[in-house]
C-alpha atoms as a PDB file:
ATOM      1  CA  MET A   1       3.190 -12.876  -9.922  1.00  0.00           C
ATOM      2  CA  ILE A   2       6.872 -11.978  -9.977  1.00  0.00           C
ATOM      3  CA  PHE A   3       8.031  -8.811  -8.247  1.00  0.00           C
ATOM      4  CA  LYS A   4      11.371  -7.564  -9.532  1.00  0.00           C
ATOM      5  CA  GLY A   5      13.041  -5.415  -6.904  1.00  0.00           C
ATOM      6  CA  ILE A   6      15.334  -2.530  -7.776  1.00  0.00           C
ATOM      7  CA  ASP A   7      17.962  -4.046  -5.486  1.00  0.00           C
ATOM      8  CA  GLY A   8      18.155  -7.195  -7.636  1.00  0.00           C
ATOM      9  CA  VAL A   9      16.045  -9.300  -5.277  1.00  0.00           C
ATOM     10  CA  ASN A  10      13.119 -10.890  -7.107  1.00  0.00           C
ATOM     11  CA  MET A  11      10.144 -12.427  -5.311  1.00  0.00           C
ATOM     12  CA  SER A  12       7.535 -14.812  -6.671  1.00  0.00           C
ATOM     13  CA  TYR A  13       3.985 -14.960  -5.274  1.00  0.00           C
ATOM     14  CA  THR A  14       1.244 -17.469  -6.002  1.00  0.00           C
ATOM     15  CA  ILE A  15      -2.264 -16.248  -5.209  1.00  0.00           C
ATOM     16  CA  THR A  16      -4.373 -19.186  -4.089  1.00  0.00           C
ATOM     17  CA  LYS A  17      -7.397 -17.269  -2.795  1.00  0.00           C
ATOM     18  CA  PHE A  18      -8.735 -13.773  -3.411  1.00  0.00           C
ATOM     19  CA  ASP A  19     -11.636 -12.483  -1.327  1.00  0.00           C
ATOM     20  CA  HIS A  20     -13.130  -9.216  -2.575  1.00  0.00           C
ATOM     21  CA  ASN A  21     -15.625  -6.732  -1.143  1.00  0.00           C
ATOM     22  CA  GLN A  22     -14.594  -7.532   2.420  1.00  0.00           C
ATOM     23  CA  GLU A  23     -15.681  -5.289   5.296  1.00  0.00           C
ATOM     24  CA  LEU A  24     -12.577  -3.750   6.863  1.00  0.00           C
ATOM     25  CA  PRO A  25     -12.448  -1.190   9.664  1.00  0.00           C
ATOM     26  CA  GLU A  26     -10.982   2.245   8.798  1.00  0.00           C
ATOM     27  CA  SER A  27      -8.218   1.571  11.338  1.00  0.00           C
ATOM     28  CA  THR A  28      -6.787  -1.136   9.044  1.00  0.00           C
ATOM     29  CA  PHE A  29      -5.193   1.534   6.849  1.00  0.00           C
ATOM     30  CA  VAL A  30      -3.380   4.146   8.920  1.00  0.00           C
ATOM     31  CA  PHE A  31      -0.772   6.490   7.472  1.00  0.00           C
ATOM     32  CA  ASP A  32       1.893   7.424  10.030  1.00  0.00           C
ATOM     33  CA  ARG A  33       3.292  10.812   8.947  1.00  0.00           C
ATOM     34  CA  SER A  34       6.183  10.552  11.415  1.00  0.00           C
ATOM     35  CA  LYS A  35       7.534   7.538   9.489  1.00  0.00           C
ATOM     36  CA  HIS A  36       7.104   9.208   6.069  1.00  0.00           C
ATOM     37  CA  GLN A  37       7.866  12.900   6.520  1.00  0.00           C
ATOM     38  CA  ASN A  38       8.807  13.573   2.881  1.00  0.00           C
ATOM     39  CA  VAL A  39       5.553  12.207   1.426  1.00  0.00           C
ATOM     40  CA  GLU A  40       2.897  14.614   0.194  1.00  0.00           C
ATOM     41  CA  ASP A  41      -0.714  13.727   1.009  1.00  0.00           C
ATOM     42  CA  CYS A  42      -2.481  14.285  -2.326  1.00  0.00           C
ATOM     43  CA  LEU A  43      -5.926  13.998  -0.722  1.00  0.00           C
ATOM     44  CA  GLU A  44      -5.229  17.049   1.440  1.00  0.00           C
ATOM     45  CA  THR A  45      -3.440  19.157  -1.180  1.00  0.00           C
ATOM     46  CA  ASN A  46      -5.958  18.649  -4.016  1.00  0.00           C
ATOM     47  CA  GLN A  47      -9.139  19.654  -2.210  1.00  0.00           C
ATOM     48  CA  ASP A  48     -10.476  22.745  -3.958  1.00  0.00           C
END
C-alpha cells in the first residue's frame, strides 16, 4: 500500500499478516475530545 500525504511525504507499507475478528477491549479505542475540539461526534448528533 502506498499512502500519499498532502505534504508531499509518501509512505509505503507492506502487510505481511492480517488477523481479523480479534477480541479487543473497548478501552483500545478512546476518543479524547480535549485533543479534537472542532470534531463533531456523528454518533451523538444523529440519534433520533
